[in-house]
Amino acid sequence: MTHLRHISVFVDEPDPGHYHWVLHESTEDASVWIDIAESEQSFTSWTEAFEAGTVALYRLVPDEVLGPRAAGEDEGADPVG
């Protein structure tokens, strides 16, 4: 099975009172994170933005039991050959 992706949700406030959720993912270098998605609309509270970001994260997950998995070779598969 492929490994879990390290994705976080955080809220940014680019202008006072305008909150946006951002999905952030860790790279192979654990000190480097990249933005993978962000809200187009702003929210009037941190809570609303965070909840909407959590919903966006759930949408990335095809199987809620397994969580967000990295694309690529299935590490648990039998060897070929």
PDB file of N, CA and C in Angstrom:
ATOM      1  N   MET A   1       0.846  -1.170   0.000  1.00  0.00           N
ATOM      2  CA  MET A   1       0.000   0.000   0.000  1.00  0.00           C
ATOM      3  C   MET A   1       0.902   1.247   0.000  1.00  0.00           C
ATOM      4  N   THR A   2       0.492   2.261  -0.685  1.00  0.00           N
ATOM      5  CA  THR A   2       1.257   3.507  -0.727  1.00  0.00           C
ATOM      6  C   THR A   2       1.140   4.232   0.618  1.00  0.00           C
ATOM      7  N   HIS A   3       2.038   5.157   0.851  1.00  0.00           N
ATOM      8  CA  HIS A   3       2.052   5.852   2.142  1.00  0.00           C
ATOM      9  C   HIS A   3       1.037   6.994   2.180  1.00  0.00           C
ATOM     10  N   LEU A   4       0.680   7.363   3.404  1.00  0.00           N
ATOM     11  CA  LEU A   4      -0.223   8.496   3.595  1.00  0.00           C
ATOM     12  C   LEU A   4       0.472   9.798   3.222  1.00  0.00           C
ATOM     13  N   ARG A   5      -0.256  10.661   2.578  1.00  0.00           N
ATOM     14  CA  ARG A   5       0.254  12.001   2.282  1.00  0.00           C
ATOM     15  C   ARG A   5       0.172  12.836   3.554  1.00  0.00           C
ATOM     16  N   HIS A   6       1.121  13.716   3.753  1.00  0.00           N
ATOM     17  CA  HIS A   6       1.127  14.612   4.912  1.00  0.00           C
ATOM     18  C   HIS A   6       0.532  15.946   4.476  1.00  0.00           C
ATOM     19  N   ILE A   7      -0.768  16.095   4.734  1.00  0.00           N
ATOM     20  CA  ILE A   7      -1.507  17.283   4.313  1.00  0.00           C
ATOM     21  C   ILE A   7      -2.075  17.976   5.543  1.00  0.00           C
ATOM     22  N   SER A   8      -1.959  19.286   5.577  1.00  0.00           N
ATOM     23  CA  SER A   8      -2.540  20.052   6.671  1.00  0.00           C
ATOM     24  C   SER A   8      -3.487  21.112   6.113  1.00  0.00           C
ATOM     25  N   VAL A   9      -4.381  21.558   6.983  1.00  0.00           N
ATOM     26  CA  VAL A   9      -5.293  22.655   6.667  1.00  0.00           C
ATOM     27  C   VAL A   9      -4.894  23.822   7.560  1.00  0.00           C
ATOM     28  N   PHE A  10      -4.717  24.984   6.971  1.00  0.00           N
ATOM     29  CA  PHE A  10      -4.532  26.166   7.804  1.00  0.00           C
ATOM     30  C   PHE A  10      -5.332  27.314   7.224  1.00  0.00           C
ATOM     31  N   VAL A  11      -5.485  28.366   8.016  1.00  0.00           N
ATOM     32  CA  VAL A  11      -6.269  29.528   7.612  1.00  0.00           C
ATOM     33  C   VAL A  11      -5.345  30.734   7.512  1.00  0.00           C
ATOM     34  N   ASP A  12      -5.496  31.463   6.428  1.00  0.00           N
ATOM     35  CA  ASP A  12      -4.740  32.687   6.183  1.00  0.00           C
ATOM     36  C   ASP A  12      -5.712  33.867   6.224  1.00  0.00           C
ATOM     37  N   GLU A  13      -5.213  35.016   6.635  1.00  0.00           N
ATOM     38  CA  GLU A  13      -6.032  36.237   6.682  1.00  0.00           C
ATOM     39  C   GLU A  13      -5.275  37.333   5.929  1.00  0.00           C
ATOM     40  N   PRO A  14      -5.362  37.323   4.570  1.00  0.00           N
ATOM     41  CA  PRO A  14      -4.599  38.294   3.785  1.00  0.00           C
ATOM     42  C   PRO A  14      -5.035  39.738   4.019  1.00  0.00           C
ATOM     43  N   ASP A  15      -6.303  39.921   4.337  1.00  0.00           N
ATOM     44  CA  ASP A  15      -6.838  41.237   4.684  1.00  0.00           C
ATOM     45  C   ASP A  15      -7.665  41.071   5.948  1.00  0.00           C
ATOM     46  N   PRO A  16      -7.679  42.054   6.828  1.00  0.00           N
ATOM     47  CA  PRO A  16      -8.443  41.931   8.069  1.00  0.00           C
ATOM     48  C   PRO A  16      -9.900  41.517   7.826  1.00  0.00           C
ATOM     49  N   GLY A  17     -10.305  40.438   8.504  1.00  0.00           N
ATOM     50  CA  GLY A  17     -11.687  39.971   8.392  1.00  0.00           C
ATOM     51  C   GLY A  17     -11.982  39.117   7.173  1.00  0.00           C
ATOM     52  N   HIS A  18     -10.971  38.799   6.364  1.00  0.00           N
ATOM     53  CA  HIS A  18     -11.142  37.961   5.166  1.00  0.00           C
ATOM     54  C   HIS A  18     -10.258  36.724   5.322  1.00  0.00           C
ATOM     55  N   TYR A  19     -10.917  35.598   5.605  1.00  0.00           N
ATOM     56  CA  TYR A  19     -10.206  34.364   5.911  1.00  0.00           C
ATOM     57  C   TYR A  19     -10.281  33.394   4.728  1.00  0.00           C
ATOM     58  N   HIS A  20      -9.170  32.724   4.451  1.00  0.00           N
ATOM     59  CA  HIS A  20      -9.083  31.736   3.378  1.00  0.00           C
ATOM     60  C   HIS A  20      -8.451  30.462   3.925  1.00  0.00           C
ATOM     61  N   TRP A  21      -8.993  29.307   3.524  1.00  0.00           N
ATOM     62  CA  TRP A  21      -8.336  28.054   3.894  1.00  0.00           C
ATOM     63  C   TRP A  21      -7.255  27.733   2.861  1.00  0.00           C
ATOM     64  N   VAL A  22      -6.246  27.001   3.292  1.00  0.00           N
ATOM     65  CA  VAL A  22      -5.155  26.555   2.427  1.00  0.00           C
ATOM     66  C   VAL A  22      -4.835  25.113   2.794  1.00  0.00           C
ATOM     67  N   LEU A  23      -4.672  24.262   1.772  1.00  0.00           N
ATOM     68  CA  LEU A  23      -4.176  22.902   1.993  1.00  0.00           C
ATOM     69  C   LEU A  23      -2.691  22.914   1.662  1.00  0.00           C
ATOM     70  N   HIS A  24      -1.925  22.379   2.544  1.00  0.00           N
ATOM     71  CA  HIS A  24      -0.468  22.408   2.511  1.00  0.00           C
ATOM     72  C   HIS A  24       0.022  20.962   2.558  1.00  0.00           C
ATOM     73  N   GLU A  25       1.012  20.589   1.776  1.00  0.00           N
ATOM     74  CA  GLU A  25       1.524  19.214   1.798  1.00  0.00           C
ATOM     75  C   GLU A  25       3.031  19.201   1.976  1.00  0.00           C
ATOM     76  N   SER A  26       3.493  18.293   2.819  1.00  0.00           N
ATOM     77  CA  SER A  26       4.920  18.120   3.054  1.00  0.00           C
ATOM     78  C   SER A  26       5.556  17.431   1.847  1.00  0.00           C
ATOM     79  N   THR A  27       6.780  17.819   1.542  1.00  0.00           N
ATOM     80  CA  THR A  27       7.533  17.173   0.470  1.00  0.00           C
ATOM     81  C   THR A  27       8.438  16.108   1.093  1.00  0.00           C
ATOM     82  N   GLU A  28       9.314  15.516   0.286  1.00  0.00           N
ATOM     83  CA  GLU A  28      10.255  14.532   0.823  1.00  0.00           C
ATOM     84  C   GLU A  28      11.149  15.160   1.880  1.00  0.00           C
ATOM     85  N   ASP A  29      11.433  16.443   1.749  1.00  0.00           N
ATOM     86  CA  ASP A  29      12.165  17.186   2.771  1.00  0.00           C
ATOM     87  C   ASP A  29      11.114  17.706   3.752  1.00  0.00           C
ATOM     88  N   ALA A  30      11.063  17.131   4.931  1.00  0.00           N
ATOM     89  CA  ALA A  30       9.998  17.442   5.889  1.00  0.00           C
ATOM     90  C   ALA A  30       9.938  18.913   6.277  1.00  0.00           C
ATOM     91  N   SER A  31      10.978  19.668   5.996  1.00  0.00           N
ATOM     92  CA  SER A  31      10.953  21.094   6.331  1.00  0.00           C
ATOM     93  C   SER A  31      10.362  21.940   5.211  1.00  0.00           C
ATOM     94  N   VAL A  32      10.023  21.309   4.084  1.00  0.00           N
ATOM     95  CA  VAL A  32       9.481  22.035   2.939  1.00  0.00           C
ATOM     96  C   VAL A  32       8.032  21.619   2.718  1.00  0.00           C
ATOM     97  N   TRP A  33       7.153  22.617   2.717  1.00  0.00           N
ATOM     98  CA  TRP A  33       5.728  22.389   2.471  1.00  0.00           C
ATOM     99  C   TRP A  33       5.311  23.207   1.257  1.00  0.00           C
ATOM    100  N   ILE A  34       4.359  22.654   0.482  1.00  0.00           N
ATOM    101  CA  ILE A  34       3.852  23.366  -0.692  1.00  0.00           C
ATOM    102  C   ILE A  34       2.334  23.508  -0.576  1.00  0.00           C
ATOM    103  N   ASP A  35       1.813  24.608  -1.116  1.00  0.00           N
ATOM    104  CA  ASP A  35       0.359  24.800  -1.172  1.00  0.00           C
ATOM    105  C   ASP A  35      -0.183  23.939  -2.300  1.00  0.00           C
ATOM    106  N   ILE A  36      -1.224  23.150  -2.003  1.00  0.00           N
ATOM    107  CA  ILE A  36      -1.823  22.317  -3.049  1.00  0.00           C
ATOM    108  C   ILE A  36      -3.225  22.775  -3.428  1.00  0.00           C
ATOM    109  N   ALA A  37      -3.858  23.567  -2.570  1.00  0.00           N
ATOM    110  CA  ALA A  37      -5.191  24.111  -2.885  1.00  0.00           C
ATOM    111  C   ALA A  37      -5.483  25.246  -1.915  1.00  0.00           C
ATOM    112  N   GLU A  38      -6.336  26.170  -2.352  1.00  0.00           N
ATOM    113  CA  GLU A  38      -6.766  27.260  -1.470  1.00  0.00           C
ATOM    114  C   GLU A  38      -8.137  27.747  -1.903  1.00  0.00           C
ATOM    115  N   SER A  39      -8.828  28.363  -0.973  1.00  0.00           N
ATOM    116  CA  SER A  39     -10.177  28.834  -1.280  1.00  0.00           C
ATOM    117  C   SER A  39     -10.123  30.042  -2.203  1.00  0.00           C
ATOM    118  N   GLU A  40     -11.077  30.087  -3.118  1.00  0.00           N
ATOM    119  CA  GLU A  40     -11.203  31.244  -4.005  1.00  0.00           C
ATOM    120  C   GLU A  40     -11.988  32.349  -3.313  1.00  0.00           C
ATOM    121  N   GLN A  41     -12.952  31.953  -2.505  1.00  0.00           N
ATOM    122  CA  GLN A  41     -13.769  32.933  -1.797  1.00  0.00           C
ATOM    123  C   GLN A  41     -13.223  33.126  -0.391  1.00  0.00           C
ATOM    124  N   SER A  42     -13.519  34.269   0.196  1.00  0.00           N
ATOM    125  CA  SER A  42     -13.116  34.498   1.579  1.00  0.00           C
ATOM    126  C   SER A  42     -14.288  34.168   2.499  1.00  0.00           C
ATOM    127  N   PHE A  43     -13.963  33.939   3.751  1.00  0.00           N
ATOM    128  CA  PHE A  43     -14.955  33.633   4.769  1.00  0.00           C
ATOM    129  C   PHE A  43     -14.895  34.726   5.830  1.00  0.00           C
ATOM    130  N   THR A  44     -15.988  34.890   6.565  1.00  0.00           N
ATOM    131  CA  THR A  44     -16.049  35.974   7.545  1.00  0.00           C
ATOM    132  C   THR A  44     -15.471  35.588   8.898  1.00  0.00           C
ATOM    133  N   SER A  45     -15.132  34.301   9.084  1.00  0.00           N
ATOM    134  CA  SER A  45     -14.518  33.886  10.346  1.00  0.00           C
ATOM    135  C   SER A  45     -13.485  32.795  10.092  1.00  0.00           C
ATOM    136  N   TRP A  46     -12.553  32.689  11.026  1.00  0.00           N
ATOM    137  CA  TRP A  46     -11.529  31.649  10.968  1.00  0.00           C
ATOM    138  C   TRP A  46     -12.193  30.277  10.985  1.00  0.00           C
ATOM    139  N   THR A  47     -13.198  30.114  11.823  1.00  0.00           N
ATOM    140  CA  THR A  47     -13.869  28.819  11.959  1.00  0.00           C
ATOM    141  C   THR A  47     -14.515  28.381  10.651  1.00  0.00           C
ATOM    142  N   GLU A  48     -15.237  29.287   9.992  1.00  0.00           N
ATOM    143  CA  GLU A  48     -15.872  28.944   8.712  1.00  0.00           C
ATOM    144  C   GLU A  48     -14.822  28.535   7.679  1.00  0.00           C
ATOM    145  N   ALA A  49     -13.722  29.265   7.626  1.00  0.00           N
ATOM    146  CA  ALA A  49     -12.666  28.946   6.661  1.00  0.00           C
ATOM    147  C   ALA A  49     -12.042  27.595   6.973  1.00  0.00           C
ATOM    148  N   PHE A  50     -11.761  27.330   8.239  1.00  0.00           N
ATOM    149  CA  PHE A  50     -11.149  26.059   8.627  1.00  0.00           C
ATOM    150  C   PHE A  50     -12.072  24.882   8.310  1.00  0.00           C
ATOM    151  N   GLU A  51     -13.347  25.007   8.636  1.00  0.00           N
ATOM    152  CA  GLU A  51     -14.304  23.936   8.344  1.00  0.00           C
ATOM    153  C   GLU A  51     -14.405  23.675   6.845  1.00  0.00           C
ATOM    154  N   ALA A  52     -14.427  24.735   6.035  1.00  0.00           N
ATOM    155  CA  ALA A  52     -14.481  24.565   4.578  1.00  0.00           C
ATOM    156  C   ALA A  52     -13.196  23.915   4.071  1.00  0.00           C
ATOM    157  N   GLY A  53     -12.062  24.252   4.663  1.00  0.00           N
ATOM    158  CA  GLY A  53     -10.794  23.624   4.282  1.00  0.00           C
ATOM    159  C   GLY A  53     -10.771  22.147   4.618  1.00  0.00           C
ATOM    160  N   THR A  54     -11.370  21.793   5.744  1.00  0.00           N
ATOM    161  CA  THR A  54     -11.452  20.385   6.126  1.00  0.00           C
ATOM    162  C   THR A  54     -12.313  19.608   5.131  1.00  0.00           C
ATOM    163  N   VAL A  55     -13.404  20.216   4.681  1.00  0.00           N
ATOM    164  CA  VAL A  55     -14.253  19.588   3.657  1.00  0.00           C
ATOM    165  C   VAL A  55     -13.444  19.406   2.365  1.00  0.00           C
ATOM    166  N   ALA A  56     -12.654  20.398   1.992  1.00  0.00           N
ATOM    167  CA  ALA A  56     -11.818  20.289   0.785  1.00  0.00           C
ATOM    168  C   ALA A  56     -10.818  19.151   0.923  1.00  0.00           C
ATOM    169  N   LEU A  57     -10.264  18.971   2.110  1.00  0.00           N
ATOM    170  CA  LEU A  57      -9.335  17.857   2.340  1.00  0.00           C
ATOM    171  C   LEU A  57     -10.054  16.528   2.181  1.00  0.00           C
ATOM    172  N   TYR A  58     -11.234  16.402   2.760  1.00  0.00           N
ATOM    173  CA  TYR A  58     -12.013  15.167   2.605  1.00  0.00           C
ATOM    174  C   TYR A  58     -12.286  14.858   1.138  1.00  0.00           C
ATOM    175  N   ARG A  59     -12.477  15.863   0.316  1.00  0.00           N
ATOM    176  CA  ARG A  59     -12.753  15.639  -1.107  1.00  0.00           C
ATOM    177  C   ARG A  59     -11.548  15.041  -1.833  1.00  0.00           C
ATOM    178  N   LEU A  60     -10.358  15.205  -1.277  1.00  0.00           N
ATOM    179  CA  LEU A  60      -9.151  14.619  -1.878  1.00  0.00           C
ATOM    180  C   LEU A  60      -9.017  13.129  -1.568  1.00  0.00           C
ATOM    181  N   VAL A  61      -9.830  12.640  -0.648  1.00  0.00           N
ATOM    182  CA  VAL A  61      -9.688  11.285  -0.128  1.00  0.00           C
ATOM    183  C   VAL A  61     -10.745  10.374  -0.741  1.00  0.00           C
ATOM    184  N   PRO A  62     -10.346   9.459  -1.636  1.00  0.00           N
ATOM    185  CA  PRO A  62     -11.333   8.566  -2.242  1.00  0.00           C
ATOM    186  C   PRO A  62     -11.860   7.508  -1.270  1.00  0.00           C
ATOM    187  N   ASP A  63     -11.098   7.176  -0.226  1.00  0.00           N
ATOM    188  CA  ASP A  63     -11.510   6.167   0.743  1.00  0.00           C
ATOM    189  C   ASP A  63     -11.210   6.711   2.140  1.00  0.00           C
ATOM    190  N   GLU A  64     -12.247   7.058   2.889  1.00  0.00           N
ATOM    191  CA  GLU A  64     -12.060   7.674   4.204  1.00  0.00           C
ATOM    192  C   GLU A  64     -11.412   6.734   5.212  1.00  0.00           C
ATOM    193  N   VAL A  65     -11.474   5.431   4.980  1.00  0.00           N
ATOM    194  CA  VAL A  65     -10.823   4.476   5.872  1.00  0.00           C
ATOM    195  C   VAL A  65      -9.309   4.510   5.667  1.00  0.00           C
ATOM    196  N   LEU A  66      -8.873   4.604   4.409  1.00  0.00           N
ATOM    197  CA  LEU A  66      -7.446   4.579   4.091  1.00  0.00           C
ATOM    198  C   LEU A  66      -6.789   5.948   4.132  1.00  0.00           C
ATOM    199  N   GLY A  67      -7.563   7.004   3.973  1.00  0.00           N
ATOM    200  CA  GLY A  67      -7.011   8.357   4.002  1.00  0.00           C
ATOM    201  C   GLY A  67      -6.374   8.752   2.685  1.00  0.00           C
ATOM    202  N   PRO A  68      -5.757   9.945   2.665  1.00  0.00           N
ATOM    203  CA  PRO A  68      -5.128  10.426   1.423  1.00  0.00           C
ATOM    204  C   PRO A  68      -3.820   9.688   1.170  1.00  0.00           C
ATOM    205  N   ARG A  69      -3.752   8.960   0.091  1.00  0.00           N
ATOM    206  CA  ARG A  69      -2.576   8.150  -0.239  1.00  0.00           C
ATOM    207  C   ARG A  69      -1.804   8.768  -1.394  1.00  0.00           C
ATOM    208  N   ALA A  70      -0.508   8.565  -1.366  1.00  0.00           N
ATOM    209  CA  ALA A  70       0.358   9.040  -2.439  1.00  0.00           C
ATOM    210  C   ALA A  70       0.148   8.187  -3.678  1.00  0.00           C
ATOM    211  N   ALA A  71       0.236   8.811  -4.831  1.00  0.00           N
ATOM    212  CA  ALA A  71       0.147   8.069  -6.087  1.00  0.00           C
ATOM    213  C   ALA A  71       1.450   7.316  -6.284  1.00  0.00           C
ATOM    214  N   GLY A  72       1.387   6.236  -7.012  1.00  0.00           N
ATOM    215  CA  GLY A  72       2.622   5.522  -7.299  1.00  0.00           C
ATOM    216  C   GLY A  72       2.470   4.041  -7.073  1.00  0.00           C
ATOM    217  N   GLU A  73       3.597   3.385  -7.020  1.00  0.00           N
ATOM    218  CA  GLU A  73       3.637   1.941  -6.900  1.00  0.00           C
ATOM    219  C   GLU A  73       3.088   1.493  -5.548  1.00  0.00           C
ATOM    220  N   ASP A  74       2.350   0.397  -5.556  1.00  0.00           N
ATOM    221  CA  ASP A  74       1.806  -0.181  -4.334  1.00  0.00           C
ATOM    222  C   ASP A  74       2.917  -0.939  -3.619  1.00  0.00           C
ATOM    223  N   GLU A  75       3.383  -0.392  -2.493  1.00  0.00           N
ATOM    224  CA  GLU A  75       4.513  -0.977  -1.783  1.00  0.00           C
ATOM    225  C   GLU A  75       4.191  -2.350  -1.195  1.00  0.00           C
ATOM    226  N   GLY A  76       2.924  -2.678  -1.036  1.00  0.00           N
ATOM    227  CA  GLY A  76       2.543  -3.960  -0.464  1.00  0.00           C
ATOM    228  C   GLY A  76       2.281  -5.030  -1.515  1.00  0.00           C
ATOM    229  N   ALA A  77       2.400  -4.690  -2.777  1.00  0.00           N
ATOM    230  CA  ALA A  77       2.118  -5.640  -3.852  1.00  0.00           C
ATOM    231  C   ALA A  77       3.236  -6.680  -3.964  1.00  0.00           C
ATOM    232  N   ASP A  78       2.869  -7.866  -4.490  1.00  0.00           N
ATOM    233  CA  ASP A  78       3.871  -8.898  -4.727  1.00  0.00           C
ATOM    234  C   ASP A  78       4.842  -8.425  -5.789  1.00  0.00           C
ATOM    235  N   PRO A  79       6.126  -8.796  -5.663  1.00  0.00           N
ATOM    236  CA  PRO A  79       7.113  -8.422  -6.697  1.00  0.00           C
ATOM    237  C   PRO A  79       6.776  -9.055  -8.034  1.00  0.00           C
ATOM    238  N   VAL A  80       7.119  -8.360  -9.096  1.00  0.00           N
ATOM    239  CA  VAL A  80       6.881  -8.854 -10.455  1.00  0.00           C
ATOM    240  C   VAL A  80       8.148  -9.546 -10.940  1.00  0.00           C
ATOM    241  N   GLY A  81       7.951 -10.720 -11.576  1.00  0.00           N
ATOM    242  CA  GLY A  81       9.116 -11.367 -12.183  1.00  0.00           C
ATOM    243  C   GLY A  81       9.534 -12.611 -11.565  1.00  0.00           C
TER     244      GLY A  81
END
